[in-house]
Protein backbone atom coordinates (compact mmCIF):
# COMPACT_ATOMS: atom_id res chain seq x y z
CA UNK A 1 -11.90 -40.47 10.37
CA UNK A 2 -14.63 -40.86 7.76
CA UNK A 3 -17.77 -41.40 9.85
CA UNK A 4 -19.13 -41.13 13.37
CA UNK A 5 -21.27 -43.66 15.27
CA UNK A 6 -24.89 -42.96 16.15
CA UNK A 7 -23.87 -43.24 19.79
CA UNK A 8 -22.34 -39.76 19.44
CA UNK A 9 -25.71 -38.40 20.49
CA UNK A 10 -25.39 -40.08 23.87
CA UNK A 11 -22.66 -37.64 24.95
CA UNK A 12 -25.18 -35.37 26.64
CA UNK A 13 -22.57 -33.24 28.43
CA UNK A 14 -20.43 -32.54 25.34
CA UNK A 15 -19.69 -28.81 24.96
CA UNK A 16 -17.19 -28.73 22.09
CA UNK A 17 -16.75 -31.02 19.08
CA UNK A 18 -13.66 -30.52 16.92
CA UNK A 19 -13.72 -32.49 13.65
CA UNK A 20 -11.70 -30.19 11.38
CA UNK A 21 -9.16 -31.61 8.93
CA UNK A 22 -10.72 -35.07 8.78
CA UNK A 23 -12.20 -37.13 5.94
CA UNK A 24 -15.64 -36.86 7.47
CA UNK A 25 -18.35 -36.66 4.81
CA UNK A 26 -21.49 -36.70 6.96
CA UNK A 27 -22.82 -36.26 10.49
CA UNK A 28 -25.23 -38.74 12.10
CA UNK A 29 -28.75 -37.56 12.89
CA UNK A 30 -28.00 -38.21 16.54
CA UNK A 31 -25.86 -35.03 16.64
CA UNK A 32 -29.10 -33.17 17.32
CA UNK A 33 -29.27 -34.74 20.77
CA UNK A 34 -26.13 -32.90 21.95
CA UNK A 35 -28.21 -30.33 23.79
CA UNK A 36 -25.26 -28.69 25.59
CA UNK A 37 -22.97 -28.41 22.56
CA UNK A 38 -21.65 -24.85 22.20
CA UNK A 39 -18.89 -25.12 19.58
CA UNK A 40 -18.87 -27.31 16.47
CA UNK A 41 -15.90 -27.18 14.11
CA UNK A 42 -16.18 -28.97 10.77
CA UNK A 43 -13.72 -26.96 8.66
CA UNK A 44 -11.68 -28.73 5.99
CA UNK A 45 -13.89 -31.82 5.89
CA UNK A 46 -15.72 -33.46 2.97
CA UNK A 47 -19.15 -32.56 4.25
CA UNK A 48 -21.61 -31.53 1.52
CA UNK A 49 -24.81 -31.34 3.55
CA UNK A 50 -25.90 -31.34 7.17
CA UNK A 51 -28.60 -33.34 8.96
CA UNK A 52 -31.81 -31.50 9.82
CA UNK A 53 -31.27 -32.37 13.47
CA UNK A 54 -28.21 -30.10 13.59
CA UNK A 55 -30.45 -27.05 13.71
CA UNK A 56 -31.93 -28.29 16.99
CA UNK A 57 -28.69 -27.45 18.83
CA UNK A 58 -30.11 -24.52 20.77
CA UNK A 59 -26.94 -24.02 22.86
CA UNK A 60 -24.64 -23.66 19.83
CA UNK A 61 -22.70 -20.37 19.80
CA UNK A 62 -19.99 -21.17 17.23
CA UNK A 63 -20.30 -23.11 13.96
CA UNK A 64 -17.32 -23.45 11.62
CA UNK A 65 -18.16 -24.88 8.19
CA UNK A 66 -15.32 -23.23 6.27
CA UNK A 67 -13.40 -25.16 3.61
CA UNK A 68 -16.17 -27.74 3.16
CA UNK A 69 -18.17 -28.73 0.07
CA UNK A 70 -21.30 -27.15 1.47
CA UNK A 71 -23.32 -25.39 -1.24
CA UNK A 72 -26.35 -24.19 0.72
CA UNK A 73 -27.75 -23.54 4.18
CA UNK A 74 -31.34 -24.47 5.02
CA UNK A 75 -33.81 -21.94 6.32
CA UNK A 76 -33.76 -23.84 9.62
CA UNK A 77 -30.38 -22.23 10.44
CA UNK A 78 -32.53 -19.49 11.94
CA UNK A 79 -33.35 -21.82 14.82
CA UNK A 80 -29.82 -21.41 16.22
CA UNK A 81 -30.92 -18.45 18.30
CA UNK A 82 -27.73 -18.28 20.41
CA UNK A 83 -25.29 -18.47 17.49
CA UNK A 84 -22.57 -15.81 17.77
CA UNK A 85 -20.03 -16.97 15.20
CA UNK A 86 -20.69 -18.49 11.76
CA UNK A 87 -17.83 -19.31 9.41
CA UNK A 88 -18.64 -20.23 5.82
CA UNK A 89 -15.47 -19.10 4.06
CA UNK A 90 -14.25 -21.16 1.09
CA UNK A 91 -17.52 -23.02 0.58
CA UNK A 92 -19.69 -23.26 -2.55
CA UNK A 93 -22.46 -21.15 -1.09
CA UNK A 94 -24.11 -18.75 -3.57
CA UNK A 95 -26.92 -17.35 -1.44
CA UNK A 96 -28.07 -17.30 2.15
CA UNK A 97 -31.47 -18.10 3.66
CA UNK A 98 -33.64 -15.24 4.88
CA UNK A 99 -33.71 -16.70 8.39
CA UNK A 100 -29.97 -16.07 8.77
CA UNK A 101 -30.61 -12.37 9.20
CA UNK A 102 -32.79 -13.08 12.23
CA UNK A 103 -29.87 -14.45 14.27
CA UNK A 104 -29.90 -11.63 16.80
CA UNK A 105 -26.82 -12.85 18.70
CA UNK A 106 -24.55 -13.15 15.65
CA UNK A 107 -21.31 -11.20 16.20
CA UNK A 108 -19.08 -12.67 13.48
CA UNK A 109 -19.97 -13.73 9.94
CA UNK A 110 -17.30 -15.04 7.58
CA UNK A 111 -18.28 -15.38 3.92
CA UNK A 112 -14.92 -14.88 2.21
CA UNK A 113 -14.06 -16.83 -0.93
CA UNK A 114 -17.63 -17.96 -1.63
CA UNK A 115 -19.81 -17.57 -4.73
CA UNK A 116 -21.95 -15.00 -2.97
CA UNK A 117 -22.90 -12.20 -5.37
CA UNK A 118 -25.15 -10.02 -3.22
CA UNK A 119 -26.25 -9.18 0.29
CA UNK A 120 -29.94 -8.53 0.98
CA UNK A 121 -31.26 -5.43 2.70
CA UNK A 122 -32.08 -7.64 5.67
CA UNK A 123 -28.36 -7.84 6.58
CA UNK A 124 -29.03 -4.64 8.52
CA UNK A 125 -31.01 -6.63 11.07
CA UNK A 126 -27.84 -8.16 12.54
CA UNK A 127 -27.65 -5.52 15.25
CA UNK A 128 -24.87 -7.24 17.23
CA UNK A 129 -22.60 -8.04 14.28
CA UNK A 130 -19.02 -6.92 14.99
CA UNK A 131 -17.02 -8.59 12.20
CA UNK A 132 -18.10 -9.13 8.60
CA UNK A 133 -15.72 -10.73 6.10
CA UNK A 134 -16.64 -10.66 2.42
CA UNK A 135 -13.24 -10.87 0.74
CA UNK A 136 -12.90 -12.65 -2.63
CA UNK A 137 -16.63 -12.75 -3.31
CA UNK A 138 -18.60 -11.75 -6.41
CA UNK A 139 -20.35 -8.93 -4.62
CA UNK A 140 -20.49 -5.78 -6.77
CA UNK A 141 -22.53 -3.52 -4.52
CA UNK A 142 -23.66 -3.33 -0.93
CA UNK A 143 -27.13 -2.44 0.36
CA UNK A 144 -27.70 0.87 2.11
CA UNK A 145 -28.94 -1.10 5.10
CA UNK A 146 -25.30 -1.97 5.84
CA UNK A 147 -25.22 1.31 7.72
CA UNK A 148 -27.64 -0.15 10.24
CA UNK A 149 -24.86 -2.38 11.58
CA UNK A 150 -24.10 -0.05 14.46
CA UNK A 151 -21.94 -2.62 16.28
CA UNK A 152 -19.70 -3.44 13.30
CA UNK A 153 -15.99 -2.91 14.04
CA UNK A 154 -14.29 -4.81 11.20
CA UNK A 155 -15.34 -4.91 7.55
CA UNK A 156 -13.25 -6.93 5.09
CA UNK A 157 -14.12 -6.28 1.44
CA UNK A 158 -10.71 -7.12 -0.04
CA UNK A 159 -10.48 -8.69 -3.51
CA UNK A 160 -14.19 -8.19 -4.13
CA UNK A 161 -15.72 -6.65 -7.26
CA UNK A 162 -16.83 -3.51 -5.45
CA UNK A 163 -16.21 -0.16 -7.12
CA UNK A 164 -18.13 2.02 -4.72
CA UNK A 165 -19.18 2.02 -1.09
CA UNK A 166 -22.62 3.23 -0.03
CA UNK A 167 -22.71 6.47 1.94
CA UNK A 168 -24.42 4.58 4.74
CA UNK A 169 -21.04 3.01 5.64
CA UNK A 170 -20.36 6.25 7.47
CA UNK A 171 -23.26 5.51 9.79
CA UNK A 172 -21.40 2.55 11.30
CA UNK A 173 -20.36 4.37 14.43
CA UNK A 174 -18.14 1.55 15.73
CA UNK A 175 -16.27 0.82 12.47
CA UNK A 176 -12.55 0.85 13.18
CA UNK A 177 -10.97 -1.38 10.52
CA UNK A 178 -11.75 -1.34 6.81
CA UNK A 179 -9.97 -3.61 4.33
CA UNK A 180 -10.17 -2.78 0.62
CA UNK A 181 -7.10 -4.64 -0.68
CA UNK A 182 -7.47 -5.62 -4.33
CA UNK A 183 -10.61 -3.54 -4.88
CA UNK A 184 -11.14 -0.90 -7.55
CA UNK A 185 -12.60 1.56 -5.08
CA UNK A 186 -10.99 4.95 -5.66
CA UNK A 187 -13.06 7.15 -3.42
CA UNK A 188 -14.35 6.73 0.09
CA UNK A 189 -17.81 8.06 0.93
CA UNK A 190 -17.73 11.52 2.46
CA UNK A 191 -19.83 10.10 5.28
CA UNK A 192 -16.99 8.02 6.71
CA UNK A 193 -16.15 9.68 9.98
CA UNK A 194 -13.12 10.35 12.10
CA UNK A 195 -13.22 7.16 14.18
CA UNK A 196 -11.75 4.88 11.49
CA UNK A 197 -8.38 3.74 12.85
CA UNK A 198 -7.13 1.36 10.17
CA UNK A 199 -7.48 1.44 6.39
CA UNK A 200 -5.98 -1.42 4.44
CA UNK A 201 -6.17 -1.25 0.68
CA UNK A 202 -4.32 -1.85 -2.56
CA UNK A 203 -5.44 1.62 -3.55
CA UNK A 204 -4.69 3.55 -0.39
CA UNK A 205 -5.27 7.33 -0.50
CA UNK A 206 -1.68 8.27 -1.22
CA UNK A 207 -1.35 5.93 -4.22
CA UNK A 208 -4.61 6.56 -6.10
CA UNK A 209 -7.55 8.89 -6.50
CA UNK A 210 -8.94 8.14 -3.05
CA UNK A 211 -9.73 11.32 -1.20
CA UNK A 212 -7.51 12.12 1.76
CA UNK A 213 -9.12 15.01 3.57
CA UNK A 214 -9.72 16.51 6.98
CA UNK A 215 -11.79 13.52 8.03
CA UNK A 216 -8.54 11.57 8.25
CA UNK A 217 -6.14 14.41 8.91
CA UNK A 218 -7.96 15.29 12.11
CA UNK A 219 -9.22 11.81 12.92
CA UNK A 220 -7.93 8.63 14.52
CA UNK A 221 -6.64 6.93 11.36
CA UNK A 222 -3.05 5.99 12.14
CA UNK A 223 -2.35 2.93 10.00
CA UNK A 224 -2.59 2.59 6.24
CA UNK A 225 -1.42 -0.30 4.07
CA UNK A 226 -0.58 0.28 0.44
CA UNK A 227 -0.66 -2.16 -2.47
CA UNK A 228 2.83 -3.50 -1.81
CA UNK A 229 1.91 -4.39 1.74
CA UNK A 230 3.84 -1.47 3.19
CA UNK A 231 2.42 0.15 6.25
CA UNK A 232 2.84 3.72 7.36
CA UNK A 233 1.80 5.99 10.17
CA UNK A 234 0.36 9.44 9.61
CA UNK A 235 3.24 11.96 9.49
CA UNK A 236 2.79 15.64 10.17
CA UNK A 237 3.34 18.37 7.62
CA UNK A 238 5.30 21.54 8.50
CA UNK A 239 2.12 23.21 9.76
CA UNK A 240 1.59 20.45 12.27
CA UNK A 241 -1.30 18.84 10.40
CA UNK A 242 -1.32 15.16 9.49
CA UNK A 243 -0.68 14.34 5.85
CA UNK A 244 -0.75 11.07 3.90
CA UNK A 245 2.47 9.01 3.98
CA UNK A 246 4.89 9.30 1.09
CA UNK A 247 5.86 6.31 -1.03
CA UNK A 248 9.41 6.46 0.32
CA UNK A 249 8.20 5.78 3.83
CA UNK A 250 8.12 2.01 4.32
CA UNK A 251 7.49 0.68 7.77
CA UNK A 252 7.05 -2.90 8.92
CA UNK A 253 3.65 -4.52 8.48
CA UNK A 254 2.69 -5.09 12.11
CA UNK A 255 -0.68 -3.52 12.75
CA UNK A 256 -3.67 -2.85 10.50
CA UNK A 257 -3.95 -6.54 9.75
CA UNK A 258 -6.32 -8.04 12.30
CA UNK A 259 -8.61 -9.60 9.70
CA UNK A 260 -7.44 -13.25 9.62
CA UNK A 261 -9.10 -15.38 12.23
CA UNK A 262 -6.30 -15.85 14.76
CA UNK A 263 -8.39 -18.13 16.94
CA UNK A 264 -9.09 -20.49 14.05
CA UNK A 265 -5.46 -20.54 12.97
CA UNK A 266 -4.29 -21.39 16.47
CA UNK A 267 -6.83 -24.17 16.86
CA UNK A 268 -5.85 -25.73 13.54
CA UNK A 269 -2.17 -25.61 14.42
CA UNK A 270 -2.83 -27.25 17.76
CA UNK A 271 -5.02 -29.86 16.14
CA UNK A 272 -2.40 -30.71 13.52
CA UNK A 273 0.26 -30.88 16.20
CA UNK A 274 -1.79 -33.31 18.24
CA UNK A 275 -2.23 -35.57 15.23
CA UNK A 276 1.52 -35.95 14.70
């Protein structure tokens, strides 16, 4: 499929439109008439730009533009007031419009493998954000306002250029999973609390200079992944306290890896299966 007819806009009751893995290079302006559309998936298409009418889809809650040739988002993206999930991974995007940070319903933002080099202070306005993926970006530092993301549960910073985390990360009271694989971060902020359950990183505490202290020994952290992909649980020392796992302890990699988008993977598999 390379193009869609203008009559697409006549499907007034359409709720979901799945166009991933096609040769589609453009959407007709009539897409803006799909007033009930909630989910639009355009991943792995040849789309380079989107029609202005797309931003009139007030019912849209999920927009997947990953693996496209998209290089920018217009400021009008801020009109998608109900948007909960935005996927822009593996696009050519270098910066994001200011209006994006006004999407009060946004719960998931995927920006992995983009040319993004910075996040603005206004990222802290995404009060409902639960998952933020910034792996394989050019980001070298994070704004202190990141700590304002009180609903954030998952933060993926793997393979980024980060060397330090702001102390404000510890203010994310709901943060449970932190991925630092492939980063040069050697020390976690002292502000990171006891509620962190999963730390994944190429430089895990027991294999580098990262501090392993009472925050983790007495906390909920029970899964750590080291550089080789080995996973270990917290063992106890002779005094009954928890201590970091030793290199000789190699357990199967089963948990501490919730970062890939399982829903997207399943949908793509089903879609490919249906095409055969």
